[in-house]
Amino acid sequence: MSYIVGVDAGGTKTETIAYDSDGKQIWKECTGFGNMVMNKEKAIENILSSIEKCIKNLNKESLKGIYLGVAAVEVGNNKEVILKAVKEKFKTEVEVYNDAEMALFSLLKGEEGILTISGTGSVCYAISNNKKVMTGGWGHLLGDEGSGYYIAITALKRMILEEDMSLERSDFTRNIMKKLNIEDVNEIKEFVYNNNKNKIASIVPLISKMAEEGDNISREILKNSGNELGKITEGAFIKLGKPTNVKIGIKGSILTKITIVNNTFKDYVKSKIKSVEIIDEDISSCKGAYYLAIKNKIV
């Protein structure tokens, strides 16, 4: 039985899945982070280990290829480094892509189109007529609009506004202060400047819950998030030259799991792009390897 291997190497974990010639998952493994900017040597070690564990119980002679989607692979010589390391170790066909590009191939089943991702950060990646463009993805200091980090910082800035303008403390602010276990709004500075992006974004589920319960401040922040994600998607569409019959895949917990963000995003996109199909499917980015293998006629 021939098979191919897909790798999704991100900032939190490296997921590796083997698929048979019918696209059925036959093995899955996970290791630590695969983002080479974080620690190049450790990331490579994690990626190689994940692949090795995945194919350990499979027939190595039947492996037809390995396709990797790696975060920050476009930085410096990262692509060349990981390509060489995987080829040398596994002696098979190897292709390396940006992790967003691999996710696009997965959601759109190997077809061209647009992929918008919103988790802790946000980015939009698109391909049309072999032209590749990216919008967003500027990181939390320059952008990441519509992301979990954006939602959290916007919420904290709203709390600061109430404090600075001597406004009556809202239920919104009181609930977040309770979540953070703080007595004074000024303690926000310690929370933000002493924690990473993921920790700061951890208040998003509370904001989403408050929005579901009818809190207007929370709802407005989430609607703004949906619109901002719509804007970077529209930007990618424009960069592509406004192609017709566009498919847009969406990925990431903020965009797919928070109803207000999801609905606002879809309304924005449909108002700006005609003949659009939005694909919201829970599927591993690793599956992009299967569709690439079909395209390359190796399965």
Protein backbone atom coordinates (compact mmCIF):
# COMPACT_ATOMS: atom_id res chain seq x y z
CA MET A 1 0.00 0.00 0.00
CA SER A 2 1.57 3.29 -1.09
CA TYR A 3 1.19 6.38 1.08
CA ILE A 4 2.29 9.98 1.45
CA VAL A 5 3.05 12.03 4.55
CA GLY A 6 1.83 15.53 5.37
CA VAL A 7 3.44 17.72 8.02
CA ASP A 8 1.95 20.82 9.66
CA ALA A 9 4.76 22.45 11.64
CA GLY A 10 3.61 25.45 13.67
CA GLY A 11 4.53 27.47 16.71
CA THR A 12 2.85 25.12 19.18
CA LYS A 13 3.15 21.64 17.71
CA THR A 14 4.17 19.59 14.69
CA GLU A 15 1.40 17.32 13.40
CA THR A 16 2.31 14.58 10.93
CA ILE A 17 -0.23 12.36 9.18
CA ALA A 18 0.20 9.53 6.68
CA TYR A 19 -2.51 9.13 4.01
CA ASP A 20 -3.09 6.19 1.71
CA SER A 21 -3.78 6.54 -2.02
CA ASP A 22 -7.49 7.14 -1.30
CA GLY A 23 -6.79 9.99 1.12
CA LYS A 24 -7.59 7.93 4.21
CA GLN A 25 -5.60 8.72 7.34
CA ILE A 26 -3.53 5.68 8.33
CA TRP A 27 -1.22 7.10 11.00
CA LYS A 28 -0.81 10.29 13.02
CA GLU A 29 1.88 11.66 15.31
CA CYS A 30 2.53 14.94 17.12
CA THR A 31 5.69 16.46 18.54
CA GLY A 32 6.74 19.93 19.70
CA PHE A 33 6.88 23.20 17.79
CA GLY A 34 8.13 23.35 14.20
CA ASN A 35 8.49 27.11 13.74
CA MET A 36 12.16 27.51 12.88
CA VAL A 37 12.30 31.14 14.01
CA MET A 38 11.72 30.03 17.60
CA ASN A 39 14.71 27.66 17.62
CA LYS A 40 15.93 26.31 14.30
CA GLU A 41 17.77 23.24 15.61
CA LYS A 42 14.96 22.18 17.96
CA ALA A 43 12.29 22.79 15.32
CA ILE A 44 14.12 20.58 12.81
CA GLU A 45 14.57 17.92 15.48
CA ASN A 46 10.83 18.01 16.25
CA ILE A 47 9.88 17.80 12.56
CA LEU A 48 12.20 14.89 11.81
CA SER A 49 11.08 13.08 14.96
CA SER A 50 7.41 13.51 14.07
CA ILE A 51 7.92 12.08 10.58
CA GLU A 52 10.03 9.22 11.89
CA LYS A 53 7.41 8.27 14.48
CA CYS A 54 4.66 8.47 11.85
CA ILE A 55 6.29 6.06 9.41
CA LYS A 56 7.87 3.80 12.04
CA ASN A 57 5.08 1.21 11.80
CA LEU A 58 4.53 1.61 8.06
CA ASN A 59 6.41 0.14 5.11
CA LYS A 60 9.13 2.69 4.33
CA GLU A 61 9.46 1.33 0.79
CA SER A 62 5.85 2.40 0.10
CA LEU A 63 6.43 6.04 1.07
CA LYS A 64 5.91 8.15 -2.07
CA GLY A 65 6.62 11.60 -0.73
CA ILE A 66 6.64 14.04 2.19
CA TYR A 67 4.95 17.43 1.97
CA LEU A 68 5.61 19.95 4.70
CA GLY A 69 3.83 23.15 5.68
CA VAL A 70 6.23 25.00 7.98
CA ALA A 71 5.65 28.26 9.84
CA ALA A 72 8.20 31.00 8.99
CA VAL A 73 9.80 28.82 6.30
CA GLU A 74 10.19 31.88 4.09
CA VAL A 75 12.58 33.51 6.60
CA GLY A 76 16.25 33.42 5.57
CA ASN A 77 17.37 30.01 4.30
CA ASN A 78 14.87 28.05 6.40
CA LYS A 79 13.28 26.38 3.38
CA GLU A 80 16.57 25.09 2.04
CA VAL A 81 17.66 23.87 5.47
CA ILE A 82 14.53 21.86 6.26
CA LEU A 83 14.28 20.52 2.70
CA LYS A 84 17.85 19.18 2.89
CA ALA A 85 17.38 17.70 6.36
CA VAL A 86 14.21 15.79 5.43
CA LYS A 87 15.57 14.56 2.08
CA GLU A 88 18.79 13.29 3.61
CA LYS A 89 17.01 11.41 6.38
CA PHE A 90 14.09 9.85 4.50
CA LYS A 91 15.40 9.52 0.91
CA THR A 92 12.11 10.36 -0.80
CA GLU A 93 10.32 13.10 -2.73
CA VAL A 94 10.09 16.18 -0.47
CA GLU A 95 8.36 19.53 -0.95
CA VAL A 96 8.27 22.39 1.55
CA TYR A 97 5.61 25.11 1.72
CA ASN A 98 4.56 27.89 4.04
CA ASP A 99 2.12 26.47 6.61
CA ALA A 100 -0.66 28.77 5.35
CA GLU A 101 -0.18 27.51 1.80
CA MET A 102 -0.45 23.89 2.97
CA ALA A 103 -3.64 24.75 4.86
CA LEU A 104 -5.05 26.34 1.70
CA PHE A 105 -4.39 23.18 -0.32
CA SER A 106 -6.09 21.17 2.41
CA LEU A 107 -9.28 23.21 2.73
CA LEU A 108 -9.68 23.87 -0.99
CA LYS A 109 -8.78 20.27 -1.91
CA GLY A 110 -5.81 21.27 -4.01
CA GLU A 111 -7.58 24.09 -5.86
CA GLU A 112 -6.51 27.72 -6.00
CA GLY A 113 -8.26 30.36 -3.91
CA ILE A 114 -7.96 32.30 -0.67
CA LEU A 115 -7.36 31.15 2.89
CA THR A 116 -7.99 33.41 5.88
CA ILE A 117 -6.67 32.29 9.25
CA SER A 118 -7.39 33.79 12.65
CA GLY A 119 -6.11 32.27 15.86
CA THR A 120 -3.82 34.14 18.24
CA GLY A 121 -2.56 35.94 15.11
CA SER A 122 -4.11 36.46 11.66
CA VAL A 123 -3.07 36.15 8.03
CA CYS A 124 -4.57 35.70 4.58
CA TYR A 125 -2.84 33.64 1.90
CA ALA A 126 -4.05 33.32 -1.70
CA ILE A 127 -3.18 31.68 -5.02
CA SER A 128 -4.67 32.30 -8.47
CA ASN A 129 -3.17 31.40 -11.85
CA ASN A 130 0.00 30.42 -9.97
CA LYS A 131 0.27 33.92 -8.50
CA LYS A 132 0.80 33.82 -4.73
CA VAL A 133 -0.01 36.74 -2.43
CA MET A 134 -0.30 37.35 1.29
CA THR A 135 -2.10 40.02 3.28
CA GLY A 136 -2.02 40.47 7.03
CA GLY A 137 0.48 38.35 8.89
CA TRP A 138 2.39 41.42 10.07
CA GLY A 139 2.62 40.21 13.65
CA HIS A 140 1.12 41.62 16.83
CA LEU A 141 3.10 44.88 16.82
CA LEU A 142 2.25 45.90 13.25
CA GLY A 143 -1.03 44.12 12.62
CA ASP A 144 -2.76 40.82 13.39
CA GLU A 145 -6.09 42.62 13.09
CA GLY A 146 -9.07 40.37 13.77
CA SER A 147 -6.99 37.87 15.76
CA GLY A 148 -7.36 36.65 19.31
CA TYR A 149 -4.58 38.99 20.38
CA TYR A 150 -6.31 41.90 18.63
CA ILE A 151 -9.60 41.14 20.41
CA ALA A 152 -7.89 40.95 23.80
CA ILE A 153 -5.88 44.15 23.38
CA THR A 154 -8.95 46.00 22.09
CA ALA A 155 -10.84 44.85 25.19
CA LEU A 156 -8.07 45.98 27.51
CA LYS A 157 -7.89 49.36 25.78
CA ARG A 158 -11.64 49.76 26.35
CA MET A 159 -11.04 49.19 30.06
CA ILE A 160 -8.29 51.81 30.01
CA LEU A 161 -10.65 54.28 28.29
CA GLU A 162 -13.19 53.88 31.09
CA GLU A 163 -10.43 54.47 33.64
CA ASP A 164 -8.92 57.51 31.94
CA MET A 165 -12.26 59.18 31.20
CA SER A 166 -13.64 58.46 34.69
CA LEU A 167 -16.54 56.55 33.17
CA GLU A 168 -18.72 54.28 35.24
CA ARG A 169 -17.11 50.86 35.39
CA SER A 170 -18.98 48.54 33.02
CA ASP A 171 -19.92 44.92 33.61
CA PHE A 172 -17.52 44.21 30.74
CA THR A 173 -14.61 45.67 32.69
CA ARG A 174 -15.62 44.10 36.00
CA ASN A 175 -15.84 40.65 34.44
CA ILE A 176 -12.39 40.89 32.85
CA MET A 177 -10.88 42.20 36.10
CA LYS A 178 -12.38 39.21 37.89
CA LYS A 179 -10.93 36.89 35.24
CA LEU A 180 -7.48 38.45 35.66
CA ASN A 181 -7.82 38.55 39.45
CA ILE A 182 -6.99 42.24 39.63
CA GLU A 183 -8.44 44.98 41.83
CA ASP A 184 -7.31 48.00 39.83
CA VAL A 185 -7.37 48.67 36.08
CA ASN A 186 -3.78 49.90 36.32
CA GLU A 187 -2.75 46.30 36.94
CA ILE A 188 -3.45 45.65 33.24
CA LYS A 189 0.03 46.96 32.48
CA GLU A 190 1.65 44.19 34.49
CA PHE A 191 -0.55 41.58 32.80
CA VAL A 192 0.28 42.77 29.27
CA TYR A 193 3.97 43.53 29.65
CA ASN A 194 4.80 40.37 31.60
CA ASN A 195 2.97 37.82 29.47
CA ASN A 196 3.16 36.40 25.94
CA LYS A 197 0.57 36.75 23.18
CA ASN A 198 -1.15 33.47 23.96
CA LYS A 199 -1.62 34.38 27.61
CA ILE A 200 -3.03 37.79 26.71
CA ALA A 201 -5.41 36.21 24.18
CA SER A 202 -6.65 33.80 26.87
CA ILE A 203 -9.33 36.33 27.86
CA VAL A 204 -11.06 35.91 24.46
CA PRO A 205 -13.37 33.03 25.55
CA LEU A 206 -14.74 35.31 28.29
CA ILE A 207 -15.35 38.10 25.77
CA SER A 208 -17.10 35.63 23.47
CA LYS A 209 -19.26 34.39 26.36
CA MET A 210 -20.22 37.94 27.34
CA ALA A 211 -21.14 38.68 23.73
CA GLU A 212 -23.40 35.62 23.61
CA GLU A 213 -25.09 36.87 26.75
CA GLY A 214 -25.83 40.22 25.10
CA ASP A 215 -22.99 42.47 26.27
CA ASN A 216 -22.83 45.27 23.68
CA ILE A 217 -19.15 46.12 24.19
CA SER A 218 -18.12 42.52 23.61
CA ARG A 219 -20.36 42.19 20.56
CA GLU A 220 -18.91 45.36 19.01
CA ILE A 221 -15.33 44.16 19.53
CA LEU A 222 -16.09 40.79 17.91
CA LYS A 223 -17.89 42.44 14.99
CA ASN A 224 -14.85 44.65 14.43
CA SER A 225 -12.71 41.51 14.42
CA GLY A 226 -14.88 39.95 11.71
CA ASN A 227 -14.73 43.11 9.60
CA GLU A 228 -10.93 43.37 9.95
CA LEU A 229 -10.55 39.77 8.77
CA GLY A 230 -12.86 40.61 5.89
CA LYS A 231 -10.61 43.53 4.94
CA ILE A 232 -7.42 41.45 4.68
CA THR A 233 -9.37 38.90 2.64
CA GLU A 234 -10.59 41.64 0.31
CA GLY A 235 -6.99 42.85 0.07
CA ALA A 236 -5.82 39.43 -1.08
CA PHE A 237 -8.65 39.30 -3.60
CA ILE A 238 -7.56 42.68 -5.02
CA LYS A 239 -3.89 41.63 -5.15
CA LEU A 240 -4.89 38.56 -7.17
CA GLY A 241 -6.54 40.82 -9.75
CA LYS A 242 -10.13 40.15 -8.60
CA PRO A 243 -10.58 36.64 -10.07
CA THR A 244 -14.08 35.25 -10.64
CA ASN A 245 -15.72 32.35 -8.80
CA VAL A 246 -13.46 32.63 -5.78
CA LYS A 247 -13.23 29.95 -3.10
CA ILE A 248 -12.34 31.17 0.38
CA GLY A 249 -11.33 28.75 3.11
CA ILE A 250 -11.38 29.83 6.74
CA LYS A 251 -9.30 28.41 9.57
CA GLY A 252 -8.47 29.20 13.19
CA SER A 253 -10.54 29.20 16.36
CA ILE A 254 -11.43 32.90 16.28
CA LEU A 255 -12.87 32.78 12.77
CA THR A 256 -14.46 29.34 12.86
CA LYS A 257 -15.64 29.01 16.48
CA ILE A 258 -16.91 32.49 17.43
CA THR A 259 -20.28 32.94 15.74
CA ILE A 260 -20.30 36.75 15.70
CA VAL A 261 -16.85 36.92 14.10
CA ASN A 262 -17.78 34.21 11.61
CA ASN A 263 -21.08 35.82 10.56
CA THR A 264 -19.64 39.34 10.34
CA PHE A 265 -16.71 38.09 8.25
CA LYS A 266 -19.01 36.25 5.84
CA ASP A 267 -21.30 39.28 5.48
CA TYR A 268 -18.33 41.54 4.75
CA VAL A 269 -16.77 39.21 2.18
CA LYS A 270 -20.05 38.57 0.37
CA SER A 271 -20.67 42.31 0.14
CA LYS A 272 -17.26 42.87 -1.48
CA ILE A 273 -16.69 39.78 -3.62
CA LYS A 274 -19.21 38.42 -6.11
CA SER A 275 -19.48 34.69 -6.90
CA VAL A 276 -17.72 33.62 -3.71
CA GLU A 277 -17.89 30.26 -1.96
CA ILE A 278 -16.80 30.18 1.68
CA ILE A 279 -15.50 26.82 2.90
CA ASP A 280 -15.62 26.19 6.63
CA GLU A 281 -14.47 22.63 7.28
CA ASP A 282 -12.64 21.11 10.22
CA ILE A 283 -9.75 19.38 8.46
CA SER A 284 -6.04 19.06 9.24
CA SER A 285 -3.65 21.13 7.18
CA CYS A 286 -1.70 17.91 6.67
CA LYS A 287 -4.38 16.76 4.21
CA GLY A 288 -2.97 19.29 1.77
CA ALA A 289 -0.18 16.76 1.17
CA TYR A 290 -2.66 14.30 -0.30
CA TYR A 291 -4.02 16.82 -2.78
CA LEU A 292 -0.51 17.94 -3.74
CA ALA A 293 0.42 14.29 -4.33
CA ILE A 294 -2.58 13.91 -6.63
CA LYS A 295 -1.57 17.06 -8.48
CA ASN A 296 1.96 15.70 -8.89
CA LYS A 297 0.58 12.30 -9.90
CA ILE A 298 2.48 10.31 -7.30
CA VAL A 299 -0.61 8.63 -5.79
